[in-house]
């Protein structure tokens, strides 16, 4: 019995170390200040803005989104065109949220587009948005609509 105790103790320490290593390398995604508004140039679209924080020790990626208020969800970036006007480009890769960092989705920068919105975006209303991250999975967000 005494010979088994050191062996069991070693097994316990190894398993605890493995568990701690796995859990410490996880992202911890939080979403704050989610707001939205109708698009001025596209009557069938709307924009959504928010702060995505990752307090974990591993980076994560925003893969997709869905909302019952939208036909589809896309992540866009506002860019300056060669003629000096502003335009938007669909991001061609998932949006990375760095470990211990944050990404601000804002007007004039990276933002979420509600394409083929199903309802009018009325100020004061809230729409539900589900964002899917590579590691953190699905996060539900309530987006408060403004003007």
Protein backbone atom coordinates (compact mmCIF):
# COMPACT_ATOMS: atom_id res chain seq x y z
CA UNK A 1 0.00 0.00 0.00
CA UNK A 2 2.84 2.40 0.88
CA UNK A 3 4.49 1.79 -2.51
CA UNK A 4 1.29 2.77 -4.36
CA UNK A 5 0.94 6.12 -2.60
CA UNK A 6 3.95 7.80 -4.29
CA UNK A 7 2.82 6.45 -7.66
CA UNK A 8 -0.73 7.78 -7.21
CA UNK A 9 0.67 11.12 -6.06
CA UNK A 10 2.82 11.40 -9.19
CA UNK A 11 -0.15 10.49 -11.42
CA UNK A 12 -2.27 13.12 -9.67
CA UNK A 13 0.42 15.82 -10.14
CA UNK A 14 0.83 14.96 -13.83
CA UNK A 15 -2.93 15.04 -14.47
CA UNK A 16 -3.36 18.29 -12.55
CA UNK A 17 -0.51 19.88 -14.54
CA UNK A 18 -2.02 18.79 -17.83
CA UNK A 19 -5.43 20.15 -16.84
CA UNK A 20 -3.91 23.47 -15.73
CA UNK A 21 -1.95 23.80 -18.97
CA UNK A 22 -5.03 23.14 -21.10
CA UNK A 23 -7.28 25.53 -19.21
CA UNK A 24 -4.75 28.37 -19.08
CA UNK A 25 -4.34 28.40 -22.86
CA UNK A 26 -7.99 29.12 -23.49
CA UNK A 27 -9.49 32.33 -24.81
CA UNK A 28 -11.98 34.17 -22.63
CA UNK A 29 -14.19 36.26 -24.91
CA UNK A 30 -16.41 39.07 -23.61
CA UNK A 31 -18.43 41.49 -25.73
CA UNK A 32 -19.27 45.00 -24.55
CA UNK A 33 -21.14 48.06 -25.79
CA UNK A 34 -22.90 46.39 -28.74
CA UNK A 35 -24.78 48.99 -30.79
CA UNK A 36 -26.20 49.11 -34.31
CA UNK A 37 -27.68 51.48 -36.86
CA UNK A 38 -29.19 51.36 -40.34
CA UNK A 39 -26.85 51.90 -43.27
CA UNK A 40 -27.19 55.35 -44.83
CA UNK A 41 -26.11 54.15 -48.28
CA UNK A 42 -27.81 50.72 -48.32
CA UNK A 43 -31.46 50.65 -47.15
CA UNK A 44 -31.45 46.85 -46.82
CA UNK A 45 -28.39 46.76 -44.53
CA UNK A 46 -27.29 47.84 -41.09
CA UNK A 47 -24.03 48.14 -39.20
CA UNK A 48 -23.12 46.79 -35.76
CA UNK A 49 -20.30 47.92 -33.52
CA UNK A 50 -18.88 46.53 -30.27
CA UNK A 51 -15.78 45.87 -28.23
CA UNK A 52 -14.59 42.25 -28.26
CA UNK A 53 -12.23 41.48 -25.37
CA UNK A 54 -10.12 38.37 -24.90
CA UNK A 55 -8.83 38.11 -21.34
CA UNK A 56 -7.49 34.59 -21.94
CA UNK A 57 -3.98 33.46 -22.79
CA UNK A 58 -4.77 32.16 -26.29
CA UNK A 59 -5.93 34.09 -29.33
CA UNK A 60 -9.29 33.33 -30.92
CA UNK A 61 -10.96 34.09 -34.23
CA UNK A 62 -14.42 35.40 -35.06
CA UNK A 63 -15.64 32.96 -37.71
CA UNK A 64 -19.25 33.93 -38.39
CA UNK A 65 -22.47 35.37 -37.07
CA UNK A 66 -26.21 34.95 -37.36
CA UNK A 67 -29.24 37.02 -36.39
CA UNK A 68 -32.97 36.51 -36.89
CA UNK A 69 -33.06 40.21 -37.94
CA UNK A 70 -30.63 39.66 -40.85
CA UNK A 71 -30.44 37.50 -43.94
CA UNK A 72 -26.70 37.19 -43.40
CA UNK A 73 -23.91 38.63 -41.28
CA UNK A 74 -20.56 39.77 -42.71
CA UNK A 75 -17.47 41.41 -41.22
CA UNK A 76 -16.40 44.45 -43.26
CA UNK A 77 -13.61 46.99 -43.13
CA UNK A 78 -13.98 50.61 -44.22
CA UNK A 79 -11.25 51.54 -46.73
CA UNK A 80 -10.16 54.52 -48.77
CA UNK A 81 -10.61 53.86 -52.50
CA UNK A 82 -8.12 55.01 -55.12
CA UNK A 83 -10.47 57.85 -56.13
CA UNK A 84 -10.45 59.23 -52.58
CA UNK A 85 -13.94 58.01 -51.66
CA UNK A 86 -14.69 55.64 -48.81
CA UNK A 87 -15.88 52.09 -49.38
CA UNK A 88 -16.15 48.74 -47.64
CA UNK A 89 -14.39 45.44 -48.18
CA UNK A 90 -15.52 42.08 -46.88
CA UNK A 91 -12.76 40.68 -44.66
CA UNK A 92 -11.21 37.74 -46.48
CA UNK A 93 -10.16 35.89 -43.32
CA UNK A 94 -11.51 35.41 -39.79
CA UNK A 95 -11.06 38.36 -37.45
CA UNK A 96 -8.38 37.53 -34.88
CA UNK A 97 -8.89 38.54 -31.25
CA UNK A 98 -5.41 38.46 -29.64
CA UNK A 99 -4.74 36.84 -26.28
CA UNK A 100 -4.97 39.47 -23.56
CA UNK A 101 -6.18 42.00 -26.13
CA UNK A 102 -9.26 43.48 -27.68
CA UNK A 103 -10.67 44.51 -31.05
CA UNK A 104 -12.99 47.47 -31.38
CA UNK A 105 -15.59 47.18 -34.13
CA UNK A 106 -16.51 50.78 -35.00
CA UNK A 107 -17.87 53.08 -37.66
CA UNK A 108 -15.13 53.92 -40.15
CA UNK A 109 -13.18 50.76 -39.30
CA UNK A 110 -13.89 47.06 -38.94
CA UNK A 111 -17.59 46.42 -38.26
CA UNK A 112 -20.33 43.81 -38.65
CA UNK A 113 -22.84 44.23 -41.47
CA UNK A 114 -26.41 42.96 -41.32
CA UNK A 115 -27.14 42.14 -44.96
CA UNK A 116 -30.74 41.87 -46.17
CA UNK A 117 -32.13 43.05 -42.85
CA UNK A 118 -35.58 41.64 -42.22
CA UNK A 119 -36.87 44.52 -40.09
CA UNK A 120 -36.29 48.22 -39.89
CA UNK A 121 -33.61 49.15 -37.42
CA UNK A 122 -35.65 51.33 -35.08
CA UNK A 123 -33.80 53.39 -32.45
CA UNK A 124 -34.17 51.95 -28.97
CA UNK A 125 -34.94 48.41 -30.14
CA UNK A 126 -32.65 45.46 -29.50
CA UNK A 127 -31.73 42.70 -31.91
CA UNK A 128 -30.14 39.40 -31.04
CA UNK A 129 -26.83 38.44 -32.61
CA UNK A 130 -24.93 35.17 -32.23
CA UNK A 131 -21.21 35.33 -32.94
CA UNK A 132 -19.25 32.11 -33.47
CA UNK A 133 -15.61 31.99 -32.39
CA UNK A 134 -13.13 29.28 -33.33
CA UNK A 135 -12.30 28.30 -29.74
CA UNK A 136 -14.81 30.10 -27.48
CA UNK A 137 -17.81 28.86 -29.50
CA UNK A 138 -21.06 30.81 -29.72
CA UNK A 139 -21.60 34.07 -27.86
CA UNK A 140 -25.04 35.69 -27.72
CA UNK A 141 -25.06 39.47 -27.99
CA UNK A 142 -27.91 41.97 -27.55
CA UNK A 143 -27.36 44.85 -29.95
CA UNK A 144 -29.03 48.15 -28.99
CA UNK A 145 -30.11 50.11 -32.06
CA UNK A 146 -29.52 53.79 -32.40
CA UNK A 147 -29.79 56.32 -35.23
